[in-house]
Amino acid sequence: MANHKATKKDTRQANKRRERNRYHGKTTRNAMRDLMALTNEGEAKDKLKKVEAMLDKLAKRNIIHKNKAANLKSALAKGVNNVANIVVETKVKRESTKKVAKKRTTPRGTTAPTPTAE
């Protein structure tokens, strides 16, 4: 524990800043999650502007690096541009992952002939 008055104050200020940064970071992550869950293209484009502004503010406050903000904004923009495709692709993927039973080539109870080396 800090012994000096100024050090105690610095600890209090750091805790305040950390809580504030955590709040803004978590709020932005939740907004990003909600944005990617949207299926309506118009709503997604409106929400994208707000989320991009949130990311820019985080970068401005040095909560995240500016390049990370740019990468996240780029990924979100790609996701919004492909909103219609994402819904269709997930349905196709779910159908294609179903296992299909192989058809038997020999009747039950019999064994397939084994190749012999001649």
C-alpha atoms as a PDB file:
ATOM      1  CA  MET A   1       0.000   0.000   0.000  1.00  0.00           C
ATOM      2  CA  ALA A   2       1.183   3.492  -0.795  1.00  0.00           C
ATOM      3  CA  ASN A   3       2.543   5.559   2.082  1.00  0.00           C
ATOM      4  CA  HIS A   4       2.659   9.035   0.578  1.00  0.00           C
ATOM      5  CA  LYS A   5      -0.334  11.273   0.112  1.00  0.00           C
ATOM      6  CA  ALA A   6       0.440  11.944  -3.581  1.00  0.00           C
ATOM      7  CA  THR A   7       0.928   8.237  -4.282  1.00  0.00           C
ATOM      8  CA  LYS A   8      -2.424   7.421  -2.720  1.00  0.00           C
ATOM      9  CA  LYS A   9      -4.073  10.066  -4.869  1.00  0.00           C
ATOM     10  CA  ASP A  10      -2.329   8.723  -7.970  1.00  0.00           C
ATOM     11  CA  THR A  11      -3.634   5.232  -7.164  1.00  0.00           C
ATOM     12  CA  ARG A  12      -7.187   6.577  -6.808  1.00  0.00           C
ATOM     13  CA  GLN A  13      -6.929   8.407 -10.123  1.00  0.00           C
ATOM     14  CA  ALA A  14      -5.509   5.345 -11.885  1.00  0.00           C
ATOM     15  CA  ASN A  15      -8.383   3.220 -10.572  1.00  0.00           C
ATOM     16  CA  LYS A  16     -10.904   5.786 -11.821  1.00  0.00           C
ATOM     17  CA  ARG A  17      -9.276   5.901 -15.247  1.00  0.00           C
ATOM     18  CA  ARG A  18      -9.098   2.110 -15.457  1.00  0.00           C
ATOM     19  CA  GLU A  19     -12.806   1.733 -14.638  1.00  0.00           C
ATOM     20  CA  ARG A  20     -13.740   4.425 -17.154  1.00  0.00           C
ATOM     21  CA  ASN A  21     -11.592   2.801 -19.864  1.00  0.00           C
ATOM     22  CA  ARG A  22     -13.050  -0.627 -19.125  1.00  0.00           C
ATOM     23  CA  TYR A  23     -16.564   0.784 -19.376  1.00  0.00           C
ATOM     24  CA  HIS A  24     -15.958   2.449 -22.741  1.00  0.00           C
ATOM     25  CA  GLY A  25     -14.121  -0.598 -24.117  1.00  0.00           C
ATOM     26  CA  LYS A  26     -16.834  -3.022 -23.021  1.00  0.00           C
ATOM     27  CA  THR A  27     -19.600  -0.765 -24.348  1.00  0.00           C
ATOM     28  CA  THR A  28     -17.861  -0.618 -27.721  1.00  0.00           C
ATOM     29  CA  ARG A  29     -17.379  -4.399 -27.840  1.00  0.00           C
ATOM     30  CA  ASN A  30     -21.070  -4.908 -27.069  1.00  0.00           C
ATOM     31  CA  ALA A  31     -22.010  -2.456 -29.820  1.00  0.00           C
ATOM     32  CA  MET A  32     -19.772  -4.339 -32.261  1.00  0.00           C
ATOM     33  CA  ARG A  33     -21.406  -7.636 -31.289  1.00  0.00           C
ATOM     34  CA  ASP A  34     -24.873  -6.156 -31.745  1.00  0.00           C
ATOM     35  CA  LEU A  35     -23.864  -4.718 -35.118  1.00  0.00           C
ATOM     36  CA  MET A  36     -22.686  -8.090 -36.413  1.00  0.00           C
ATOM     37  CA  ALA A  37     -25.925  -9.703 -35.233  1.00  0.00           C
ATOM     38  CA  LEU A  38     -28.068  -7.358 -37.345  1.00  0.00           C
ATOM     39  CA  THR A  39     -29.554  -8.793 -40.521  1.00  0.00           C
ATOM     40  CA  ASN A  40     -31.214  -5.634 -41.877  1.00  0.00           C
ATOM     41  CA  GLU A  41     -28.780  -3.790 -44.136  1.00  0.00           C
ATOM     42  CA  GLY A  42     -30.214  -0.302 -43.465  1.00  0.00           C
ATOM     43  CA  GLU A  43     -30.025  -0.676 -39.685  1.00  0.00           C
ATOM     44  CA  ALA A  44     -26.530  -2.137 -39.962  1.00  0.00           C
ATOM     45  CA  LYS A  45     -25.222   0.839 -41.946  1.00  0.00           C
ATOM     46  CA  ASP A  46     -26.674   3.312 -39.422  1.00  0.00           C
ATOM     47  CA  LYS A  47     -25.209   1.381 -36.499  1.00  0.00           C
ATOM     48  CA  LEU A  48     -21.846   1.092 -38.281  1.00  0.00           C
ATOM     49  CA  LYS A  49     -21.373   4.878 -38.226  1.00  0.00           C
ATOM     50  CA  LYS A  50     -21.972   4.963 -34.470  1.00  0.00           C
ATOM     51  CA  VAL A  51     -19.629   2.043 -33.778  1.00  0.00           C
ATOM     52  CA  GLU A  52     -16.895   3.568 -35.940  1.00  0.00           C
ATOM     53  CA  ALA A  53     -17.191   6.808 -33.942  1.00  0.00           C
ATOM     54  CA  MET A  54     -16.869   4.804 -30.710  1.00  0.00           C
ATOM     55  CA  LEU A  55     -13.720   3.087 -32.013  1.00  0.00           C
ATOM     56  CA  ASP A  56     -12.230   6.430 -33.075  1.00  0.00           C
ATOM     57  CA  LYS A  57     -12.837   7.820 -29.595  1.00  0.00           C
ATOM     58  CA  LEU A  58     -11.144   4.804 -27.997  1.00  0.00           C
ATOM     59  CA  ALA A  59      -8.124   5.325 -30.243  1.00  0.00           C
ATOM     60  CA  LYS A  60      -8.084   9.056 -29.490  1.00  0.00           C
ATOM     61  CA  ARG A  61      -8.078   8.340 -25.738  1.00  0.00           C
ATOM     62  CA  ASN A  62      -5.287   5.742 -26.192  1.00  0.00           C
ATOM     63  CA  ILE A  63      -7.464   2.941 -24.872  1.00  0.00           C
ATOM     64  CA  ILE A  64      -6.750   0.982 -28.059  1.00  0.00           C
ATOM     65  CA  HIS A  65      -4.103   1.580 -30.712  1.00  0.00           C
ATOM     66  CA  LYS A  66      -5.154   3.561 -33.786  1.00  0.00           C
ATOM     67  CA  ASN A  67      -4.190   0.690 -36.112  1.00  0.00           C
ATOM     68  CA  LYS A  68      -6.356  -1.717 -34.145  1.00  0.00           C
ATOM     69  CA  ALA A  69      -9.260   0.707 -34.457  1.00  0.00           C
ATOM     70  CA  ALA A  70      -8.674   0.876 -38.215  1.00  0.00           C
ATOM     71  CA  ASN A  71      -8.546  -2.925 -38.498  1.00  0.00           C
ATOM     72  CA  LEU A  72     -11.757  -3.326 -36.499  1.00  0.00           C
ATOM     73  CA  LYS A  73     -13.540  -0.670 -38.569  1.00  0.00           C
ATOM     74  CA  SER A  74     -12.455  -2.400 -41.766  1.00  0.00           C
ATOM     75  CA  ALA A  75     -13.676  -5.794 -40.577  1.00  0.00           C
ATOM     76  CA  LEU A  76     -17.008  -4.326 -39.470  1.00  0.00           C
ATOM     77  CA  ALA A  77     -17.478  -2.573 -42.813  1.00  0.00           C
ATOM     78  CA  LYS A  78     -16.837  -5.851 -44.637  1.00  0.00           C
ATOM     79  CA  GLY A  79     -19.362  -7.567 -42.399  1.00  0.00           C
ATOM     80  CA  VAL A  80     -22.012  -4.935 -43.019  1.00  0.00           C
ATOM     81  CA  ASN A  81     -21.417  -5.081 -46.780  1.00  0.00           C
ATOM     82  CA  ASN A  82     -21.945  -8.833 -46.707  1.00  0.00           C
ATOM     83  CA  VAL A  83     -24.940  -8.890 -44.364  1.00  0.00           C
ATOM     84  CA  ALA A  84     -27.194 -10.612 -46.875  1.00  0.00           C
ATOM     85  CA  ASN A  85     -24.524 -13.133 -47.848  1.00  0.00           C
ATOM     86  CA  ILE A  86     -23.705 -14.048 -44.252  1.00  0.00           C
ATOM     87  CA  VAL A  87     -27.256 -15.160 -43.504  1.00  0.00           C
ATOM     88  CA  VAL A  88     -27.396 -17.337 -46.623  1.00  0.00           C
ATOM     89  CA  GLU A  89     -23.925 -18.818 -46.081  1.00  0.00           C
ATOM     90  CA  THR A  90     -24.638 -19.898 -42.512  1.00  0.00           C
ATOM     91  CA  LYS A  91     -27.760 -21.741 -43.627  1.00  0.00           C
ATOM     92  CA  VAL A  92     -25.803 -23.498 -46.371  1.00  0.00           C
ATOM     93  CA  LYS A  93     -22.986 -24.421 -43.980  1.00  0.00           C
ATOM     94  CA  ARG A  94     -25.412 -25.949 -41.490  1.00  0.00           C
ATOM     95  CA  GLU A  95     -27.012 -28.075 -44.191  1.00  0.00           C
ATOM     96  CA  SER A  96     -23.682 -29.165 -45.652  1.00  0.00           C
ATOM     97  CA  THR A  97     -22.254 -30.311 -42.308  1.00  0.00           C
ATOM     98  CA  LYS A  98     -24.898 -32.999 -41.885  1.00  0.00           C
ATOM     99  CA  LYS A  99     -23.394 -36.467 -42.121  1.00  0.00           C
ATOM    100  CA  VAL A 100     -24.686 -38.630 -44.923  1.00  0.00           C
ATOM    101  CA  ALA A 101     -24.601 -42.400 -44.475  1.00  0.00           C
ATOM    102  CA  LYS A 102     -22.621 -44.300 -47.094  1.00  0.00           C
ATOM    103  CA  LYS A 103     -24.553 -46.740 -49.240  1.00  0.00           C
ATOM    104  CA  ARG A 104     -23.574 -50.359 -48.861  1.00  0.00           C
ATOM    105  CA  THR A 105     -22.042 -51.959 -51.930  1.00  0.00           C
ATOM    106  CA  THR A 106     -22.498 -55.511 -50.623  1.00  0.00           C
ATOM    107  CA  PRO A 107     -25.614 -57.020 -49.080  1.00  0.00           C
ATOM    108  CA  ARG A 108     -25.737 -57.388 -45.309  1.00  0.00           C
ATOM    109  CA  GLY A 109     -24.222 -60.586 -43.963  1.00  0.00           C
ATOM    110  CA  THR A 110     -21.734 -60.959 -46.794  1.00  0.00           C
ATOM    111  CA  THR A 111     -18.203 -59.690 -46.959  1.00  0.00           C
ATOM    112  CA  ALA A 112     -16.586 -57.879 -49.777  1.00  0.00           C
ATOM    113  CA  PRO A 113     -14.063 -59.921 -51.749  1.00  0.00           C
ATOM    114  CA  THR A 114     -10.511 -59.290 -50.601  1.00  0.00           C
ATOM    115  CA  PRO A 115      -7.903 -58.613 -53.238  1.00  0.00           C
ATOM    116  CA  THR A 116      -5.322 -61.359 -53.488  1.00  0.00           C
ATOM    117  CA  ALA A 117      -1.752 -60.852 -54.575  1.00  0.00           C
ATOM    118  CA  GLU A 118      -1.030 -63.133 -57.590  1.00  0.00           C
END
